[in-house]
Structures are given as C-alpha cells and as structure tokens.
Amino acid sequence: GQFVESGGGLVQPGGSLKLTCVASGISMMIEAMGWYRQVPGLEHEPVAIISALDTIKYGDFVKGRFTISRNDDQKMIYLQMNNLTTEDTAVYYCNRGWRQAEDPWGQGTLVAVPS
C-alpha cells in the first residue's frame, strides 16, 4: 500500500490537531490500520492501531488524548490529537497492520509542539 499523510503543523502545548491519511493500493476494509510516529534517531513508535472490526489499541503515552478512526469507503484514516505536549513532537505516519507496519513508509506529516 501507499499512504499520504497530512494535517500536521505547529501547535502550542494544550492544542489540538487532526491528522488524515489517504491509503491506496490496498483493500482497506480488511486491514488493520495505524498511526506511528518517529523522532530523529529512534524507531517508528506505534501511536494508535484500529482493526478491520474497529478494535483499537493505543500507545501508553496517549492517555486518552488521541482518537483514531477510519472511513473505509474513502480509504482514509484519522487521528484526532488533543492536549498536545512537547513530547508529541514527531513526524507522524500511517501504515497497514496490527502487530507491525507492513508497507513502506510515506512522507509523513510533522507535528511540532514548542516548549
């Protein structure tokens, strides 16, 4: 699959952003889809994963602040992020898979929360 992420930007601590991913080349309705993030020098970290049956898992750091959702008809995956902190600064990516990312990474979208 291929993924195009958007919606990132510069946001003050405590602010909100909604990320959008458009998927292509896959039958999304049968796939788990997820959001990951990466800071320089570290591995991609799972943020939120949603199964084809809408079972969801979040990273421990989310603590109720983020909500993942999907629209299979439009092949889109969303991540609503609230109460952002400086520690959320990263490039955010979407990908396919429940246990691990299955496809090459897209270009991602940068979320920057200044101190």
C-alpha atoms as a PDB file:
ATOM      1  CA  GLY A   1       0.000   0.000   0.000  1.00  0.00           C
ATOM      2  CA  GLN A   2       0.843   3.657  -0.309  1.00  0.00           C
ATOM      3  CA  PHE A   3      -0.048   6.333   2.202  1.00  0.00           C
ATOM      4  CA  VAL A   4      -0.255  10.126   2.108  1.00  0.00           C
ATOM      5  CA  GLU A   5      -0.410  11.854   5.470  1.00  0.00           C
ATOM      6  CA  SER A   6      -1.488  15.434   6.134  1.00  0.00           C
ATOM      7  CA  GLY A   7      -2.729  17.715   8.875  1.00  0.00           C
ATOM      8  CA  GLY A   8       0.435  18.264  10.872  1.00  0.00           C
ATOM      9  CA  GLY A   9       1.717  21.652  11.884  1.00  0.00           C
ATOM     10  CA  LEU A  10       2.938  23.886  14.662  1.00  0.00           C
ATOM     11  CA  VAL A  11       0.635  23.894  17.669  1.00  0.00           C
ATOM     12  CA  GLN A  12       1.015  25.320  21.158  1.00  0.00           C
ATOM     13  CA  PRO A  13       1.041  22.993  24.184  1.00  0.00           C
ATOM     14  CA  GLY A  14      -2.502  22.000  25.049  1.00  0.00           C
ATOM     15  CA  GLY A  15      -3.655  22.464  21.477  1.00  0.00           C
ATOM     16  CA  SER A  16      -5.235  20.017  19.050  1.00  0.00           C
ATOM     17  CA  LEU A  17      -4.618  18.694  15.561  1.00  0.00           C
ATOM     18  CA  LYS A  18      -6.397  16.214  13.327  1.00  0.00           C
ATOM     19  CA  LEU A  19      -4.232  14.113  11.058  1.00  0.00           C
ATOM     20  CA  THR A  20      -5.538  12.487   7.886  1.00  0.00           C
ATOM     21  CA  CYS A  21      -4.097   9.592   5.900  1.00  0.00           C
ATOM     22  CA  VAL A  22      -5.233   8.565   2.443  1.00  0.00           C
ATOM     23  CA  ALA A  23      -4.444   4.951   1.581  1.00  0.00           C
ATOM     24  CA  SER A  24      -4.143   3.406  -1.865  1.00  0.00           C
ATOM     25  CA  GLY A  25      -3.179   0.048  -3.296  1.00  0.00           C
ATOM     26  CA  ILE A  26      -4.877  -1.966  -0.547  1.00  0.00           C
ATOM     27  CA  SER A  27      -8.328  -3.289   0.317  1.00  0.00           C
ATOM     28  CA  MET A  28      -8.505  -1.187   3.434  1.00  0.00           C
ATOM     29  CA  MET A  29     -11.734  -2.648   4.749  1.00  0.00           C
ATOM     30  CA  ILE A  30      -9.995  -5.946   5.578  1.00  0.00           C
ATOM     31  CA  GLU A  31      -6.871  -4.395   7.066  1.00  0.00           C
ATOM     32  CA  ALA A  32      -5.816  -3.063  10.426  1.00  0.00           C
ATOM     33  CA  MET A  33      -4.560   0.490  10.010  1.00  0.00           C
ATOM     34  CA  GLY A  34      -2.455   2.539  12.320  1.00  0.00           C
ATOM     35  CA  TRP A  35      -0.636   5.725  13.122  1.00  0.00           C
ATOM     36  CA  TYR A  36       3.028   5.755  14.102  1.00  0.00           C
ATOM     37  CA  ARG A  37       5.443   8.497  14.981  1.00  0.00           C
ATOM     38  CA  GLN A  38       9.175   8.939  14.737  1.00  0.00           C
ATOM     39  CA  VAL A  39      11.665  11.345  16.216  1.00  0.00           C
ATOM     40  CA  PRO A  40      15.182  11.555  14.746  1.00  0.00           C
ATOM     41  CA  GLY A  41      17.402   8.677  15.776  1.00  0.00           C
ATOM     42  CA  LEU A  42      14.606   6.481  17.083  1.00  0.00           C
ATOM     43  CA  GLU A  43      12.396   3.738  15.668  1.00  0.00           C
ATOM     44  CA  HIS A  44       8.854   4.299  14.494  1.00  0.00           C
ATOM     45  CA  GLU A  45       6.627   4.135  17.588  1.00  0.00           C
ATOM     46  CA  PRO A  46       3.023   2.890  17.392  1.00  0.00           C
ATOM     47  CA  VAL A  47       0.545   5.576  18.395  1.00  0.00           C
ATOM     48  CA  ALA A  48      -2.834   4.011  17.612  1.00  0.00           C
ATOM     49  CA  ILE A  49      -3.954   0.951  15.672  1.00  0.00           C
ATOM     50  CA  ILE A  50      -7.515   0.166  14.574  1.00  0.00           C
ATOM     51  CA  SER A  51      -8.509  -3.282  13.322  1.00  0.00           C
ATOM     52  CA  ALA A  52     -10.901  -4.014  10.475  1.00  0.00           C
ATOM     53  CA  LEU A  53     -13.536  -4.682  13.170  1.00  0.00           C
ATOM     54  CA  ASP A  54     -12.759  -1.402  14.959  1.00  0.00           C
ATOM     55  CA  THR A  55     -10.819  -2.902  17.863  1.00  0.00           C
ATOM     56  CA  ILE A  56      -8.378  -0.188  18.925  1.00  0.00           C
ATOM     57  CA  LYS A  57      -5.118  -0.102  20.816  1.00  0.00           C
ATOM     58  CA  TYR A  58      -3.207   2.996  21.830  1.00  0.00           C
ATOM     59  CA  GLY A  59       0.326   3.588  22.975  1.00  0.00           C
ATOM     60  CA  ASP A  60       0.625   4.000  26.740  1.00  0.00           C
ATOM     61  CA  PHE A  61       1.650   7.615  26.305  1.00  0.00           C
ATOM     62  CA  VAL A  62      -1.678   8.528  24.664  1.00  0.00           C
ATOM     63  CA  LYS A  63      -3.542   8.525  27.988  1.00  0.00           C
ATOM     64  CA  GLY A  64      -6.946   9.254  26.459  1.00  0.00           C
ATOM     65  CA  ARG A  65      -5.796  12.281  24.455  1.00  0.00           C
ATOM     66  CA  PHE A  66      -5.954  10.814  20.929  1.00  0.00           C
ATOM     67  CA  THR A  67      -8.715   9.139  18.929  1.00  0.00           C
ATOM     68  CA  ILE A  68      -8.164   7.015  15.825  1.00  0.00           C
ATOM     69  CA  SER A  69     -10.945   6.477  13.302  1.00  0.00           C
ATOM     70  CA  ARG A  70     -11.347   5.182   9.777  1.00  0.00           C
ATOM     71  CA  ASN A  71     -13.528   5.632   6.714  1.00  0.00           C
ATOM     72  CA  ASP A  72     -13.094   2.557   4.560  1.00  0.00           C
ATOM     73  CA  ASP A  73     -15.222   3.878   1.700  1.00  0.00           C
ATOM     74  CA  GLN A  74     -12.906   6.856   1.267  1.00  0.00           C
ATOM     75  CA  LYS A  75      -9.787   4.880   2.295  1.00  0.00           C
ATOM     76  CA  MET A  76      -8.968   7.419   4.978  1.00  0.00           C
ATOM     77  CA  ILE A  77      -7.639   7.078   8.495  1.00  0.00           C
ATOM     78  CA  TYR A  78      -7.786   9.903  11.013  1.00  0.00           C
ATOM     79  CA  LEU A  79      -6.024  10.747  14.243  1.00  0.00           C
ATOM     80  CA  GLN A  80      -7.596  13.400  16.434  1.00  0.00           C
ATOM     81  CA  MET A  81      -4.981  14.629  18.892  1.00  0.00           C
ATOM     82  CA  ASN A  82      -5.904  16.777  21.883  1.00  0.00           C
ATOM     83  CA  ASN A  83      -3.933  18.260  24.763  1.00  0.00           C
ATOM     84  CA  LEU A  84      -0.673  18.028  22.849  1.00  0.00           C
ATOM     85  CA  THR A  85       2.630  18.308  24.699  1.00  0.00           C
ATOM     86  CA  THR A  86       6.210  18.933  23.633  1.00  0.00           C
ATOM     87  CA  GLU A  87       6.799  15.185  23.869  1.00  0.00           C
ATOM     88  CA  ASP A  88       4.351  14.663  20.997  1.00  0.00           C
ATOM     89  CA  THR A  89       6.679  16.458  18.595  1.00  0.00           C
ATOM     90  CA  ALA A  90       7.482  13.959  15.833  1.00  0.00           C
ATOM     91  CA  VAL A  91       6.792  13.011  12.245  1.00  0.00           C
ATOM     92  CA  TYR A  92       3.559  11.037  12.119  1.00  0.00           C
ATOM     93  CA  TYR A  93       2.960   8.240   9.615  1.00  0.00           C
ATOM     94  CA  CYS A  94       0.175   5.824   8.839  1.00  0.00           C
ATOM     95  CA  ASN A  95       0.576   2.226   7.761  1.00  0.00           C
ATOM     96  CA  ARG A  96      -1.159  -1.118   7.484  1.00  0.00           C
ATOM     97  CA  GLY A  97      -1.020  -3.958  10.005  1.00  0.00           C
ATOM     98  CA  TRP A  98      -1.976  -4.919  13.572  1.00  0.00           C
ATOM     99  CA  ARG A  99       1.289  -6.265  15.047  1.00  0.00           C
ATOM    100  CA  GLN A 100       3.703  -4.248  12.911  1.00  0.00           C
ATOM    101  CA  ALA A 101       3.787  -1.893   9.952  1.00  0.00           C
ATOM    102  CA  GLU A 102       3.519  -3.875   6.737  1.00  0.00           C
ATOM    103  CA  ASP A 103       4.332  -1.402   3.971  1.00  0.00           C
ATOM    104  CA  PRO A 104       6.983   1.204   3.117  1.00  0.00           C
ATOM    105  CA  TRP A 105       6.593   4.485   4.933  1.00  0.00           C
ATOM    106  CA  GLY A 106       5.113   7.547   3.250  1.00  0.00           C
ATOM    107  CA  GLN A 107       6.456  11.050   3.674  1.00  0.00           C
ATOM    108  CA  GLY A 108       4.700  11.564   6.993  1.00  0.00           C
ATOM    109  CA  THR A 109       3.409  14.808   8.470  1.00  0.00           C
ATOM    110  CA  LEU A 110       5.322  16.833  11.038  1.00  0.00           C
ATOM    111  CA  VAL A 111       3.724  17.748  14.343  1.00  0.00           C
ATOM    112  CA  ALA A 112       5.691  20.353  16.271  1.00  0.00           C
ATOM    113  CA  VAL A 113       4.778  21.422  19.796  1.00  0.00           C
ATOM    114  CA  PRO A 114       7.220  24.072  21.020  1.00  0.00           C
ATOM    115  CA  SER A 115       8.241  24.424  24.633  1.00  0.00           C
END
